C-alpha atoms as a PDB file:
ATOM      1  CA  UNK A   1     -14.230   9.515   3.586  1.00  0.00           C
ATOM      2  CA  UNK A   2     -14.150   9.689  -0.155  1.00  0.00           C
ATOM      3  CA  UNK A   3     -14.412   6.285  -1.794  1.00  0.00           C
ATOM      4  CA  UNK A   4     -12.729   6.412  -5.161  1.00  0.00           C
ATOM      5  CA  UNK A   5     -11.769   3.044  -6.619  1.00  0.00           C
ATOM      6  CA  UNK A   6      -9.494   3.032  -9.616  1.00  0.00           C
ATOM      7  CA  UNK A   7      -8.592  -0.218 -11.319  1.00  0.00           C
ATOM      8  CA  UNK A   8      -5.326  -1.372  -9.784  1.00  0.00           C
ATOM      9  CA  UNK A   9      -3.463  -4.589 -10.492  1.00  0.00           C
ATOM     10  CA  UNK A  10      -3.569  -7.134  -7.674  1.00  0.00           C
ATOM     11  CA  UNK A  11      -0.033  -7.986  -6.632  1.00  0.00           C
ATOM     12  CA  UNK A  12       1.345 -11.484  -7.096  1.00  0.00           C
ATOM     13  CA  UNK A  13       3.912 -10.968  -4.311  1.00  0.00           C
ATOM     14  CA  UNK A  14       3.564 -10.378  -0.573  1.00  0.00           C
ATOM     15  CA  UNK A  15       4.484  -6.853   0.488  1.00  0.00           C
ATOM     16  CA  UNK A  16       4.140  -6.078   4.177  1.00  0.00           C
ATOM     17  CA  UNK A  17       3.281  -2.556   5.316  1.00  0.00           C
ATOM     18  CA  UNK A  18       4.336  -1.100   8.628  1.00  0.00           C
ATOM     19  CA  UNK A  19       4.065   2.135  10.505  1.00  0.00           C
ATOM     20  CA  UNK A  20       7.317   2.765  12.334  1.00  0.00           C
ATOM     21  CA  UNK A  21       8.178  -0.597  13.899  1.00  0.00           C
ATOM     22  CA  UNK A  22       4.556  -1.786  14.128  1.00  0.00           C
ATOM     23  CA  UNK A  23       3.164  -4.182  11.507  1.00  0.00           C
ATOM     24  CA  UNK A  24       0.116  -2.702   9.815  1.00  0.00           C
ATOM     25  CA  UNK A  25      -0.995  -5.100   7.076  1.00  0.00           C
ATOM     26  CA  UNK A  26      -0.343  -6.310   3.541  1.00  0.00           C
ATOM     27  CA  UNK A  27      -0.609  -4.573   0.181  1.00  0.00           C
ATOM     28  CA  UNK A  28      -3.421  -6.024  -1.931  1.00  0.00           C
ATOM     29  CA  UNK A  29      -3.057  -3.871  -5.037  1.00  0.00           C
ATOM     30  CA  UNK A  30      -1.003  -0.868  -6.064  1.00  0.00           C
ATOM     31  CA  UNK A  31      -0.234   1.771  -8.674  1.00  0.00           C
ATOM     32  CA  UNK A  32       2.059   4.762  -8.461  1.00  0.00           C
ATOM     33  CA  UNK A  33      -1.000   6.798  -7.308  1.00  0.00           C
ATOM     34  CA  UNK A  34      -2.801   4.555  -4.811  1.00  0.00           C
ATOM     35  CA  UNK A  35      -2.900   1.274  -2.951  1.00  0.00           C
ATOM     36  CA  UNK A  36      -5.203  -0.983  -1.006  1.00  0.00           C
ATOM     37  CA  UNK A  37      -4.028  -2.470   2.282  1.00  0.00           C
ATOM     38  CA  UNK A  38      -5.633  -5.157   4.382  1.00  0.00           C
ATOM     39  CA  UNK A  39      -4.939  -5.919   8.000  1.00  0.00           C
ATOM     40  CA  UNK A  40      -6.350  -6.605  11.454  1.00  0.00           C
ATOM     41  CA  UNK A  41      -7.248  -4.164  14.203  1.00  0.00           C
ATOM     42  CA  UNK A  42      -7.868  -0.643  12.934  1.00  0.00           C
ATOM     43  CA  UNK A  43      -6.814   1.088   9.734  1.00  0.00           C
ATOM     44  CA  UNK A  44      -4.979   4.440   9.790  1.00  0.00           C
ATOM     45  CA  UNK A  45      -7.506   7.274   9.926  1.00  0.00           C
ATOM     46  CA  UNK A  46      -5.340  10.201   8.884  1.00  0.00           C
ATOM     47  CA  UNK A  47      -2.348  11.124   6.752  1.00  0.00           C
ATOM     48  CA  UNK A  48       0.300   8.604   7.615  1.00  0.00           C
ATOM     49  CA  UNK A  49       3.898   7.517   6.947  1.00  0.00           C
ATOM     50  CA  UNK A  50       4.017   3.934   5.639  1.00  0.00           C
ATOM     51  CA  UNK A  51       6.967   1.692   5.028  1.00  0.00           C
ATOM     52  CA  UNK A  52       6.495  -1.006   2.410  1.00  0.00           C
ATOM     53  CA  UNK A  53       8.775  -4.012   3.016  1.00  0.00           C
ATOM     54  CA  UNK A  54       9.685  -5.650  -0.286  1.00  0.00           C
ATOM     55  CA  UNK A  55      10.466  -9.399  -0.365  1.00  0.00           C
ATOM     56  CA  UNK A  56      13.664  -8.709  -2.364  1.00  0.00           C
ATOM     57  CA  UNK A  57      15.494  -5.601  -3.598  1.00  0.00           C
ATOM     58  CA  UNK A  58      13.866  -3.580  -6.353  1.00  0.00           C
ATOM     59  CA  UNK A  59      15.829  -0.703  -7.870  1.00  0.00           C
ATOM     60  CA  UNK A  60      18.352  -1.345  -5.069  1.00  0.00           C
ATOM     61  CA  UNK A  61      15.766  -0.824  -2.290  1.00  0.00           C
ATOM     62  CA  UNK A  62      14.241  -3.305   0.188  1.00  0.00           C
ATOM     63  CA  UNK A  63      11.905  -0.726   1.777  1.00  0.00           C
ATOM     64  CA  UNK A  64       9.869   2.144   0.398  1.00  0.00           C
ATOM     65  CA  UNK A  65       8.857   4.972   2.735  1.00  0.00           C
ATOM     66  CA  UNK A  66       5.970   7.173   1.637  1.00  0.00           C
ATOM     67  CA  UNK A  67       3.184   9.342   2.946  1.00  0.00           C
ATOM     68  CA  UNK A  68      -0.369   8.175   2.362  1.00  0.00           C
ATOM     69  CA  UNK A  69      -3.783   9.744   2.756  1.00  0.00           C
ATOM     70  CA  UNK A  70      -6.769   7.467   3.503  1.00  0.00           C
ATOM     71  CA  UNK A  71      -9.626   7.561   0.964  1.00  0.00           C
ATOM     72  CA  UNK A  72     -11.934   4.732   2.083  1.00  0.00           C
ATOM     73  CA  UNK A  73     -12.093   1.736   4.403  1.00  0.00           C
ATOM     74  CA  UNK A  74     -14.279  -1.280   5.127  1.00  0.00           C
ATOM     75  CA  UNK A  75     -14.329  -3.687   8.055  1.00  0.00           C
ATOM     76  CA  UNK A  76     -15.217  -7.387   7.891  1.00  0.00           C
ATOM     77  CA  UNK A  77     -16.977  -9.264  10.682  1.00  0.00           C
ATOM     78  CA  UNK A  78     -13.822 -11.316  11.298  1.00  0.00           C
ATOM     79  CA  UNK A  79     -11.830  -8.251  12.397  1.00  0.00           C
ATOM     80  CA  UNK A  80     -10.024  -7.602   9.125  1.00  0.00           C
ATOM     81  CA  UNK A  81     -10.112  -4.282   7.340  1.00  0.00           C
ATOM     82  CA  UNK A  82      -9.386  -3.073   3.828  1.00  0.00           C
ATOM     83  CA  UNK A  83      -8.490   0.526   3.112  1.00  0.00           C
ATOM     84  CA  UNK A  84      -7.632   2.547   0.036  1.00  0.00           C
ATOM     85  CA  UNK A  85      -4.945   5.203   0.229  1.00  0.00           C
ATOM     86  CA  UNK A  86      -3.774   7.986  -2.041  1.00  0.00           C
ATOM     87  CA  UNK A  87       0.012   7.921  -2.291  1.00  0.00           C
ATOM     88  CA  UNK A  88       2.242  10.962  -1.927  1.00  0.00           C
ATOM     89  CA  UNK A  89       5.644   9.534  -2.930  1.00  0.00           C
ATOM     90  CA  UNK A  90       8.806  11.384  -3.833  1.00  0.00           C
ATOM     91  CA  UNK A  91       9.978  11.060  -7.441  1.00  0.00           C
ATOM     92  CA  UNK A  92      12.372   8.140  -6.828  1.00  0.00           C
ATOM     93  CA  UNK A  93       9.763   6.157  -4.868  1.00  0.00           C
ATOM     94  CA  UNK A  94       7.114   6.838  -7.545  1.00  0.00           C
ATOM     95  CA  UNK A  95       9.432   5.324 -10.155  1.00  0.00           C
ATOM     96  CA  UNK A  96       9.986   2.220  -8.000  1.00  0.00           C
ATOM     97  CA  UNK A  97       6.217   1.886  -7.391  1.00  0.00           C
ATOM     98  CA  UNK A  98       5.548   2.017 -11.137  1.00  0.00           C
ATOM     99  CA  UNK A  99       8.167  -0.705 -11.675  1.00  0.00           C
ATOM    100  CA  UNK A 100       6.638  -2.789  -8.885  1.00  0.00           C
ATOM    101  CA  UNK A 101       3.114  -2.556 -10.309  1.00  0.00           C
ATOM    102  CA  UNK A 102       4.207  -3.319 -13.871  1.00  0.00           C
ATOM    103  CA  UNK A 103       6.369  -6.330 -12.939  1.00  0.00           C
ATOM    104  CA  UNK A 104       4.258  -7.956 -10.218  1.00  0.00           C
ATOM    105  CA  UNK A 105       0.700  -6.797 -10.820  1.00  0.00           C
ATOM    106  CA  UNK A 106      -1.906  -8.999 -12.495  1.00  0.00           C
ATOM    107  CA  UNK A 107      -3.000  -7.538 -15.787  1.00  0.00           C
END
């Protein structure tokens, strides 16, 4: 897998990621182009539909659904993984992601 690491702001809020009804992990950092997730078990290996669960409404939305493509992943000895994903959002979701990163990302 390609490992491309752009500088992304680490989020100061907890955003859970799920796949369907199954919990997947937490967002570590994000831009409107990519994100890093961490979780337990195994990371998604192929193009995937993610749902990001926001702690409160942003732009009138509590959840953001988007397609992602894995770029890289690492596994820790304790069973946790980290993975970088390229985002393929629609225009409305891309706008909300940009707002999210600018308001809640460390700069």
